[in-house]
C-alpha atoms as a PDB file:
ATOM      1  CA  UNK A   1     -15.555 -12.107   6.280  1.00  0.00           C
ATOM      2  CA  UNK A   2     -14.836  -9.298   3.979  1.00  0.00           C
ATOM      3  CA  UNK A   3     -16.649  -6.344   3.479  1.00  0.00           C
ATOM      4  CA  UNK A   4     -16.219  -4.419   0.356  1.00  0.00           C
ATOM      5  CA  UNK A   5     -17.445  -0.291   0.055  1.00  0.00           C
ATOM      6  CA  UNK A   6     -17.292   1.325  -3.698  1.00  0.00           C
ATOM      7  CA  UNK A   7     -17.868   4.789  -3.710  1.00  0.00           C
ATOM      8  CA  UNK A   8     -20.477   6.740  -5.415  1.00  0.00           C
ATOM      9  CA  UNK A   9     -19.718   8.154  -8.677  1.00  0.00           C
ATOM     10  CA  UNK A  10     -18.385   6.302 -11.717  1.00  0.00           C
ATOM     11  CA  UNK A  11     -14.494   6.926 -13.176  1.00  0.00           C
ATOM     12  CA  UNK A  12     -13.489   6.752 -16.701  1.00  0.00           C
ATOM     13  CA  UNK A  13     -11.895   2.537 -16.936  1.00  0.00           C
ATOM     14  CA  UNK A  14      -8.578   3.870 -17.868  1.00  0.00           C
ATOM     15  CA  UNK A  15      -8.551   6.059 -14.650  1.00  0.00           C
ATOM     16  CA  UNK A  16      -5.989   4.373 -11.887  1.00  0.00           C
ATOM     17  CA  UNK A  17      -7.628   3.561  -9.315  1.00  0.00           C
ATOM     18  CA  UNK A  18      -7.318   3.471  -4.910  1.00  0.00           C
ATOM     19  CA  UNK A  19      -7.765   0.509  -3.465  1.00  0.00           C
ATOM     20  CA  UNK A  20      -7.716   0.415   0.204  1.00  0.00           C
ATOM     21  CA  UNK A  21      -6.996  -3.101   2.547  1.00  0.00           C
ATOM     22  CA  UNK A  22      -7.509  -2.845   6.376  1.00  0.00           C
ATOM     23  CA  UNK A  23      -8.069  -5.617   8.808  1.00  0.00           C
ATOM     24  CA  UNK A  24      -5.803  -6.948  11.673  1.00  0.00           C
ATOM     25  CA  UNK A  25      -2.827  -8.194  11.996  1.00  0.00           C
ATOM     26  CA  UNK A  26      -2.780 -11.491   9.815  1.00  0.00           C
ATOM     27  CA  UNK A  27      -5.793 -10.451   7.920  1.00  0.00           C
ATOM     28  CA  UNK A  28      -4.332 -11.281   4.836  1.00  0.00           C
ATOM     29  CA  UNK A  29      -3.632  -8.149   3.880  1.00  0.00           C
ATOM     30  CA  UNK A  30      -0.199  -9.040   2.369  1.00  0.00           C
ATOM     31  CA  UNK A  31      -1.423 -11.586   0.616  1.00  0.00           C
ATOM     32  CA  UNK A  32      -4.380 -10.238  -1.952  1.00  0.00           C
ATOM     33  CA  UNK A  33      -1.503  -7.647  -2.341  1.00  0.00           C
ATOM     34  CA  UNK A  34       0.979  -9.549  -3.467  1.00  0.00           C
ATOM     35  CA  UNK A  35      -1.741 -11.826  -5.584  1.00  0.00           C
ATOM     36  CA  UNK A  36      -3.055  -8.228  -7.197  1.00  0.00           C
ATOM     37  CA  UNK A  37       0.747  -7.674  -8.427  1.00  0.00           C
ATOM     38  CA  UNK A  38       1.825 -11.355  -9.311  1.00  0.00           C
ATOM     39  CA  UNK A  39      -1.407 -10.933 -11.964  1.00  0.00           C
ATOM     40  CA  UNK A  40      -0.219  -7.518 -12.345  1.00  0.00           C
ATOM     41  CA  UNK A  41       3.292  -8.621 -13.290  1.00  0.00           C
ATOM     42  CA  UNK A  42       2.021 -11.431 -15.478  1.00  0.00           C
ATOM     43  CA  UNK A  43       0.273  -8.747 -17.904  1.00  0.00           C
ATOM     44  CA  UNK A  44       3.049  -6.903 -18.130  1.00  0.00           C
ATOM     45  CA  UNK A  45       2.425  -3.527 -16.309  1.00  0.00           C
ATOM     46  CA  UNK A  46       4.916  -1.600 -14.681  1.00  0.00           C
ATOM     47  CA  UNK A  47       4.839  -1.802 -10.472  1.00  0.00           C
ATOM     48  CA  UNK A  48       6.239  -0.889  -7.667  1.00  0.00           C
ATOM     49  CA  UNK A  49       5.541  -2.373  -4.254  1.00  0.00           C
ATOM     50  CA  UNK A  50       7.174  -0.789  -1.561  1.00  0.00           C
ATOM     51  CA  UNK A  51       6.683  -2.640   2.265  1.00  0.00           C
ATOM     52  CA  UNK A  52       6.701  -0.536   5.167  1.00  0.00           C
ATOM     53  CA  UNK A  53       7.516  -2.799   7.420  1.00  0.00           C
ATOM     54  CA  UNK A  54       7.349  -2.751  11.748  1.00  0.00           C
ATOM     55  CA  UNK A  55       8.547  -5.856  14.059  1.00  0.00           C
ATOM     56  CA  UNK A  56       8.126  -9.034  11.470  1.00  0.00           C
ATOM     57  CA  UNK A  57       9.996  -8.772   9.191  1.00  0.00           C
ATOM     58  CA  UNK A  58      10.308 -12.159   8.553  1.00  0.00           C
ATOM     59  CA  UNK A  59       7.161 -12.935   7.440  1.00  0.00           C
ATOM     60  CA  UNK A  60       6.226 -16.357   4.743  1.00  0.00           C
ATOM     61  CA  UNK A  61       5.140 -14.149   1.864  1.00  0.00           C
ATOM     62  CA  UNK A  62       8.538 -12.675   1.504  1.00  0.00           C
ATOM     63  CA  UNK A  63      10.455 -15.872   2.443  1.00  0.00           C
ATOM     64  CA  UNK A  64       9.229 -17.582  -0.244  1.00  0.00           C
ATOM     65  CA  UNK A  65       9.730 -15.049  -2.570  1.00  0.00           C
ATOM     66  CA  UNK A  66      12.629 -14.265  -5.529  1.00  0.00           C
ATOM     67  CA  UNK A  67      15.188 -12.463  -4.491  1.00  0.00           C
ATOM     68  CA  UNK A  68      14.375 -10.246  -7.238  1.00  0.00           C
ATOM     69  CA  UNK A  69      11.310  -9.055  -5.240  1.00  0.00           C
ATOM     70  CA  UNK A  70      12.475  -8.235  -2.022  1.00  0.00           C
ATOM     71  CA  UNK A  71      15.485  -5.996  -0.837  1.00  0.00           C
ATOM     72  CA  UNK A  72      17.256  -7.463   2.978  1.00  0.00           C
ATOM     73  CA  UNK A  73      15.581  -6.473   5.399  1.00  0.00           C
ATOM     74  CA  UNK A  74      17.591  -5.328   8.557  1.00  0.00           C
ATOM     75  CA  UNK A  75      16.338  -4.702  12.139  1.00  0.00           C
ATOM     76  CA  UNK A  76      15.792  -0.665  13.290  1.00  0.00           C
ATOM     77  CA  UNK A  77      14.752   0.893  16.703  1.00  0.00           C
ATOM     78  CA  UNK A  78      11.252   2.239  16.462  1.00  0.00           C
ATOM     79  CA  UNK A  79      11.946   5.786  15.882  1.00  0.00           C
ATOM     80  CA  UNK A  80      14.829   5.028  13.338  1.00  0.00           C
ATOM     81  CA  UNK A  81      12.575   3.246  11.699  1.00  0.00           C
ATOM     82  CA  UNK A  82      10.189   5.981  11.569  1.00  0.00           C
ATOM     83  CA  UNK A  83      13.081   8.278   9.913  1.00  0.00           C
ATOM     84  CA  UNK A  84      13.892   5.453   7.074  1.00  0.00           C
ATOM     85  CA  UNK A  85      10.456   5.252   6.412  1.00  0.00           C
ATOM     86  CA  UNK A  86      10.652   8.868   5.872  1.00  0.00           C
ATOM     87  CA  UNK A  87      13.048   8.969   3.425  1.00  0.00           C
ATOM     88  CA  UNK A  88      11.305   5.848   1.416  1.00  0.00           C
ATOM     89  CA  UNK A  89       8.106   7.811   1.324  1.00  0.00           C
ATOM     90  CA  UNK A  90      10.218  11.243   0.540  1.00  0.00           C
ATOM     91  CA  UNK A  91      11.654   9.137  -2.396  1.00  0.00           C
ATOM     92  CA  UNK A  92       8.184   7.699  -3.271  1.00  0.00           C
ATOM     93  CA  UNK A  93       7.408  10.858  -3.741  1.00  0.00           C
ATOM     94  CA  UNK A  94      10.003  11.590  -6.228  1.00  0.00           C
ATOM     95  CA  UNK A  95       8.967   8.363  -8.078  1.00  0.00           C
ATOM     96  CA  UNK A  96       5.159   8.938  -8.844  1.00  0.00           C
ATOM     97  CA  UNK A  97       5.726  12.177 -10.287  1.00  0.00           C
ATOM     98  CA  UNK A  98       8.515  11.277 -12.986  1.00  0.00           C
ATOM     99  CA  UNK A  99       8.272   7.533 -13.631  1.00  0.00           C
ATOM    100  CA  UNK A 100       5.208   5.814 -15.464  1.00  0.00           C
ATOM    101  CA  UNK A 101       4.411   3.608 -13.352  1.00  0.00           C
ATOM    102  CA  UNK A 102       0.733   0.631 -13.733  1.00  0.00           C
ATOM    103  CA  UNK A 103       0.432   0.242 -10.445  1.00  0.00           C
ATOM    104  CA  UNK A 104       1.938   1.315  -7.289  1.00  0.00           C
ATOM    105  CA  UNK A 105       1.225  -1.007  -3.760  1.00  0.00           C
ATOM    106  CA  UNK A 106       2.561   0.381  -0.559  1.00  0.00           C
ATOM    107  CA  UNK A 107       1.516  -2.575   2.411  1.00  0.00           C
ATOM    108  CA  UNK A 108       1.376  -1.469   5.613  1.00  0.00           C
ATOM    109  CA  UNK A 109       1.538   2.699   5.385  1.00  0.00           C
ATOM    110  CA  UNK A 110      -1.979   2.994   6.773  1.00  0.00           C
ATOM    111  CA  UNK A 111      -1.027   1.401   9.953  1.00  0.00           C
ATOM    112  CA  UNK A 112       2.646   3.377   9.843  1.00  0.00           C
ATOM    113  CA  UNK A 113       0.814   6.408   9.183  1.00  0.00           C
ATOM    114  CA  UNK A 114      -1.431   5.686  13.179  1.00  0.00           C
ATOM    115  CA  UNK A 115       2.470   5.314  13.994  1.00  0.00           C
ATOM    116  CA  UNK A 116       3.518   8.792  13.452  1.00  0.00           C
ATOM    117  CA  UNK A 117       5.811   7.317  10.370  1.00  0.00           C
ATOM    118  CA  UNK A 118       3.555   9.952   8.118  1.00  0.00           C
ATOM    119  CA  UNK A 119       0.577  11.868   7.854  1.00  0.00           C
ATOM    120  CA  UNK A 120      -2.537  11.473   6.809  1.00  0.00           C
ATOM    121  CA  UNK A 121      -1.963  14.482   4.891  1.00  0.00           C
ATOM    122  CA  UNK A 122       1.278  13.480   3.123  1.00  0.00           C
ATOM    123  CA  UNK A 123      -0.492  10.140   1.679  1.00  0.00           C
ATOM    124  CA  UNK A 124      -3.959  12.443   0.400  1.00  0.00           C
ATOM    125  CA  UNK A 125      -1.003  14.196  -1.299  1.00  0.00           C
ATOM    126  CA  UNK A 126       0.989  11.221  -2.451  1.00  0.00           C
ATOM    127  CA  UNK A 127      -3.064   9.875  -3.730  1.00  0.00           C
ATOM    128  CA  UNK A 128      -3.256  13.967  -5.546  1.00  0.00           C
ATOM    129  CA  UNK A 129       0.299  13.608  -7.352  1.00  0.00           C
ATOM    130  CA  UNK A 130      -0.551  10.081  -8.708  1.00  0.00           C
ATOM    131  CA  UNK A 131      -0.654   9.419 -12.111  1.00  0.00           C
ATOM    132  CA  UNK A 132      -4.213   9.538 -13.334  1.00  0.00           C
ATOM    133  CA  UNK A 133      -3.908   5.955 -14.634  1.00  0.00           C
ATOM    134  CA  UNK A 134      -2.065   4.570 -12.007  1.00  0.00           C
ATOM    135  CA  UNK A 135      -3.715   2.129  -9.542  1.00  0.00           C
ATOM    136  CA  UNK A 136      -2.673   3.123  -6.259  1.00  0.00           C
ATOM    137  CA  UNK A 137      -2.719   0.019  -3.443  1.00  0.00           C
ATOM    138  CA  UNK A 138      -2.734   0.947   0.447  1.00  0.00           C
ATOM    139  CA  UNK A 139      -2.798  -1.851   3.193  1.00  0.00           C
ATOM    140  CA  UNK A 140      -2.598  -1.561   7.090  1.00  0.00           C
ATOM    141  CA  UNK A 141      -4.741  -1.970  10.249  1.00  0.00           C
ATOM    142  CA  UNK A 142      -6.074   1.458  10.436  1.00  0.00           C
ATOM    143  CA  UNK A 143      -7.639   4.192   8.043  1.00  0.00           C
ATOM    144  CA  UNK A 144      -8.848   7.754   8.718  1.00  0.00           C
ATOM    145  CA  UNK A 145     -12.172   8.785   7.744  1.00  0.00           C
ATOM    146  CA  UNK A 146     -10.260  11.133   4.479  1.00  0.00           C
ATOM    147  CA  UNK A 147      -8.526   7.981   3.153  1.00  0.00           C
ATOM    148  CA  UNK A 148     -11.745   6.200   2.656  1.00  0.00           C
ATOM    149  CA  UNK A 149     -13.135   8.900   1.135  1.00  0.00           C
ATOM    150  CA  UNK A 150     -10.732   9.094  -1.794  1.00  0.00           C
ATOM    151  CA  UNK A 151     -10.109   5.997  -2.192  1.00  0.00           C
ATOM    152  CA  UNK A 152     -12.585   4.406  -4.685  1.00  0.00           C
ATOM    153  CA  UNK A 153     -12.556   0.200  -3.403  1.00  0.00           C
ATOM    154  CA  UNK A 154     -12.389   0.088  -0.112  1.00  0.00           C
ATOM    155  CA  UNK A 155     -11.940  -3.664   1.851  1.00  0.00           C
ATOM    156  CA  UNK A 156     -12.146  -4.314   5.693  1.00  0.00           C
ATOM    157  CA  UNK A 157     -11.547  -8.128   6.673  1.00  0.00           C
ATOM    158  CA  UNK A 158     -13.211  -8.633   9.726  1.00  0.00           C
ATOM    159  CA  UNK A 159     -12.420 -11.461  11.923  1.00  0.00           C
ATOM    160  CA  UNK A 160     -14.927 -13.979  11.384  1.00  0.00           C
ATOM    161  CA  UNK A 161     -15.548 -15.414  14.626  1.00  0.00           C
END
């Protein structure tokens, strides 16, 4: 079952919205954002797609994508993964401030926030510093109330049983 909540207040159509997709492991969050990215790419939009993976690196979606969509994956210990995620995040903050992008997709960032790779404060800073017209899409198994409040669209994917 999919539940959607759209925040109160109407934004200008030109404003880039903030989407949050949450749900359990294997619920389809990555499939949703891949579909959004494929559609945006087909429309000629500039997209930055980053997956903040944990242990399950060889997920089916990545195995069928062209090499131009995926970089190679290396296996890290949990602490090394946190360091690696933090390095990527710092580069992301620099990119958001300097590059015109239509869409930024951060797949798995919310779950990694709860695992200590990022702080809620860092994610909120990213959302504040994004270009006004840039759409930002965040996924993960969990998220905080402050990130939900900041989002324009929140989708929680629940098990149908």
